Protein backbone atom coordinates (compact mmCIF):
# COMPACT_ATOMS: atom_id res chain seq x y z
CA UNK A 1 0.00 0.00 0.00
CA UNK A 2 1.28 3.43 -0.97
CA UNK A 3 0.71 5.00 2.45
CA UNK A 4 2.88 2.38 4.15
CA UNK A 5 5.63 2.67 1.53
CA UNK A 6 5.87 6.46 1.90
CA UNK A 7 6.00 6.15 5.67
CA UNK A 8 8.59 3.35 5.57
CA UNK A 9 10.90 5.23 3.21
CA UNK A 10 10.50 8.43 5.27
CA UNK A 11 11.40 6.61 8.47
CA UNK A 12 14.32 4.87 6.76
CA UNK A 13 15.64 8.33 5.88
CA UNK A 14 15.21 9.31 9.54
CA UNK A 15 12.88 12.17 8.67
CA UNK A 16 9.78 13.55 10.33
CA UNK A 17 6.67 14.15 8.26
CA UNK A 18 7.45 17.87 8.44
CA UNK A 19 10.96 17.37 7.05
CA UNK A 20 9.67 15.26 4.16
CA UNK A 21 7.06 17.92 3.42
CA UNK A 22 9.75 20.63 3.35
CA UNK A 23 12.16 18.59 1.20
CA UNK A 24 9.38 17.68 -1.25
CA UNK A 25 7.90 21.18 -1.38
CA UNK A 26 4.56 19.91 -0.13
CA UNK A 27 2.40 20.76 2.84
CA UNK A 28 2.64 18.81 6.08
CA UNK A 29 -1.07 18.09 5.65
CA UNK A 30 -0.46 16.46 2.26
CA UNK A 31 2.14 14.10 3.72
CA UNK A 32 -0.02 13.14 6.69
CA UNK A 33 -3.02 12.46 4.44
CA UNK A 34 -0.93 10.24 2.17
CA UNK A 35 0.56 8.31 5.09
CA UNK A 36 -2.83 7.85 6.75
CA UNK A 37 -4.35 6.61 3.50
CA UNK A 38 -6.81 9.52 3.38
CA UNK A 39 -5.40 10.63 0.02
CA UNK A 40 -6.38 7.59 -2.03
CA UNK A 41 -4.94 8.79 -5.34
CA UNK A 42 -2.32 11.52 -4.90
CA UNK A 43 -1.31 13.21 -8.15
CA UNK A 44 1.67 11.95 -10.10
CA UNK A 45 3.35 15.33 -9.50
CA UNK A 46 3.01 14.85 -5.75
CA UNK A 47 4.45 11.36 -5.90
CA UNK A 48 7.37 12.52 -8.05
CA UNK A 49 8.16 15.24 -5.50
CA UNK A 50 8.15 12.69 -2.67
CA UNK A 51 10.31 10.21 -4.61
CA UNK A 52 12.78 12.94 -5.57
CA UNK A 53 12.99 14.21 -2.00
CA UNK A 54 13.71 10.70 -0.76
CA UNK A 55 16.25 10.09 -3.53
CA UNK A 56 14.42 7.08 -4.95
CA UNK A 57 12.67 6.38 -8.22
CA UNK A 58 8.94 6.68 -8.59
CA UNK A 59 8.85 2.97 -9.44
CA UNK A 60 10.58 2.14 -6.17
CA UNK A 61 8.21 4.36 -4.20
CA UNK A 62 5.11 2.70 -5.61
CA UNK A 63 6.56 -0.81 -5.44
CA UNK A 64 6.85 -1.39 -9.16
CA UNK A 65 9.62 -3.75 -10.21
C-alpha atoms as a PDB file:
ATOM      1  CA  UNK A   1       0.000   0.000   0.000  1.00  0.00           C
ATOM      2  CA  UNK A   2       1.285   3.433  -0.966  1.00  0.00           C
ATOM      3  CA  UNK A   3       0.707   5.001   2.449  1.00  0.00           C
ATOM      4  CA  UNK A   4       2.878   2.384   4.148  1.00  0.00           C
ATOM      5  CA  UNK A   5       5.628   2.674   1.535  1.00  0.00           C
ATOM      6  CA  UNK A   6       5.867   6.464   1.899  1.00  0.00           C
ATOM      7  CA  UNK A   7       5.995   6.149   5.673  1.00  0.00           C
ATOM      8  CA  UNK A   8       8.587   3.350   5.570  1.00  0.00           C
ATOM      9  CA  UNK A   9      10.901   5.234   3.208  1.00  0.00           C
ATOM     10  CA  UNK A  10      10.501   8.428   5.266  1.00  0.00           C
ATOM     11  CA  UNK A  11      11.396   6.613   8.472  1.00  0.00           C
ATOM     12  CA  UNK A  12      14.317   4.868   6.764  1.00  0.00           C
ATOM     13  CA  UNK A  13      15.635   8.335   5.879  1.00  0.00           C
ATOM     14  CA  UNK A  14      15.210   9.314   9.538  1.00  0.00           C
ATOM     15  CA  UNK A  15      12.878  12.171   8.668  1.00  0.00           C
ATOM     16  CA  UNK A  16       9.775  13.546  10.326  1.00  0.00           C
ATOM     17  CA  UNK A  17       6.668  14.152   8.260  1.00  0.00           C
ATOM     18  CA  UNK A  18       7.453  17.867   8.444  1.00  0.00           C
ATOM     19  CA  UNK A  19      10.962  17.370   7.055  1.00  0.00           C
ATOM     20  CA  UNK A  20       9.670  15.260   4.156  1.00  0.00           C
ATOM     21  CA  UNK A  21       7.064  17.923   3.415  1.00  0.00           C
ATOM     22  CA  UNK A  22       9.750  20.626   3.348  1.00  0.00           C
ATOM     23  CA  UNK A  23      12.164  18.586   1.197  1.00  0.00           C
ATOM     24  CA  UNK A  24       9.381  17.683  -1.251  1.00  0.00           C
ATOM     25  CA  UNK A  25       7.902  21.182  -1.383  1.00  0.00           C
ATOM     26  CA  UNK A  26       4.564  19.912  -0.129  1.00  0.00           C
ATOM     27  CA  UNK A  27       2.396  20.758   2.837  1.00  0.00           C
ATOM     28  CA  UNK A  28       2.637  18.807   6.080  1.00  0.00           C
ATOM     29  CA  UNK A  29      -1.071  18.093   5.654  1.00  0.00           C
ATOM     30  CA  UNK A  30      -0.460  16.463   2.256  1.00  0.00           C
ATOM     31  CA  UNK A  31       2.144  14.104   3.716  1.00  0.00           C
ATOM     32  CA  UNK A  32      -0.023  13.140   6.686  1.00  0.00           C
ATOM     33  CA  UNK A  33      -3.023  12.460   4.444  1.00  0.00           C
ATOM     34  CA  UNK A  34      -0.933  10.235   2.171  1.00  0.00           C
ATOM     35  CA  UNK A  35       0.562   8.309   5.089  1.00  0.00           C
ATOM     36  CA  UNK A  36      -2.829   7.849   6.746  1.00  0.00           C
ATOM     37  CA  UNK A  37      -4.351   6.615   3.502  1.00  0.00           C
ATOM     38  CA  UNK A  38      -6.805   9.515   3.381  1.00  0.00           C
ATOM     39  CA  UNK A  39      -5.399  10.628   0.019  1.00  0.00           C
ATOM     40  CA  UNK A  40      -6.376   7.592  -2.032  1.00  0.00           C
ATOM     41  CA  UNK A  41      -4.944   8.793  -5.337  1.00  0.00           C
ATOM     42  CA  UNK A  42      -2.322  11.521  -4.904  1.00  0.00           C
ATOM     43  CA  UNK A  43      -1.308  13.205  -8.149  1.00  0.00           C
ATOM     44  CA  UNK A  44       1.668  11.954 -10.097  1.00  0.00           C
ATOM     45  CA  UNK A  45       3.348  15.328  -9.502  1.00  0.00           C
ATOM     46  CA  UNK A  46       3.012  14.850  -5.750  1.00  0.00           C
ATOM     47  CA  UNK A  47       4.446  11.356  -5.900  1.00  0.00           C
ATOM     48  CA  UNK A  48       7.375  12.518  -8.051  1.00  0.00           C
ATOM     49  CA  UNK A  49       8.157  15.241  -5.502  1.00  0.00           C
ATOM     50  CA  UNK A  50       8.147  12.689  -2.675  1.00  0.00           C
ATOM     51  CA  UNK A  51      10.311  10.210  -4.607  1.00  0.00           C
ATOM     52  CA  UNK A  52      12.785  12.941  -5.575  1.00  0.00           C
ATOM     53  CA  UNK A  53      12.988  14.214  -2.000  1.00  0.00           C
ATOM     54  CA  UNK A  54      13.711  10.697  -0.761  1.00  0.00           C
ATOM     55  CA  UNK A  55      16.248  10.087  -3.534  1.00  0.00           C
ATOM     56  CA  UNK A  56      14.420   7.083  -4.948  1.00  0.00           C
ATOM     57  CA  UNK A  57      12.674   6.380  -8.223  1.00  0.00           C
ATOM     58  CA  UNK A  58       8.941   6.676  -8.593  1.00  0.00           C
ATOM     59  CA  UNK A  59       8.848   2.970  -9.443  1.00  0.00           C
ATOM     60  CA  UNK A  60      10.576   2.142  -6.167  1.00  0.00           C
ATOM     61  CA  UNK A  61       8.211   4.364  -4.200  1.00  0.00           C
ATOM     62  CA  UNK A  62       5.111   2.703  -5.614  1.00  0.00           C
ATOM     63  CA  UNK A  63       6.559  -0.806  -5.438  1.00  0.00           C
ATOM     64  CA  UNK A  64       6.855  -1.392  -9.159  1.00  0.00           C
ATOM     65  CA  UNK A  65       9.616  -3.747 -10.205  1.00  0.00           C
END
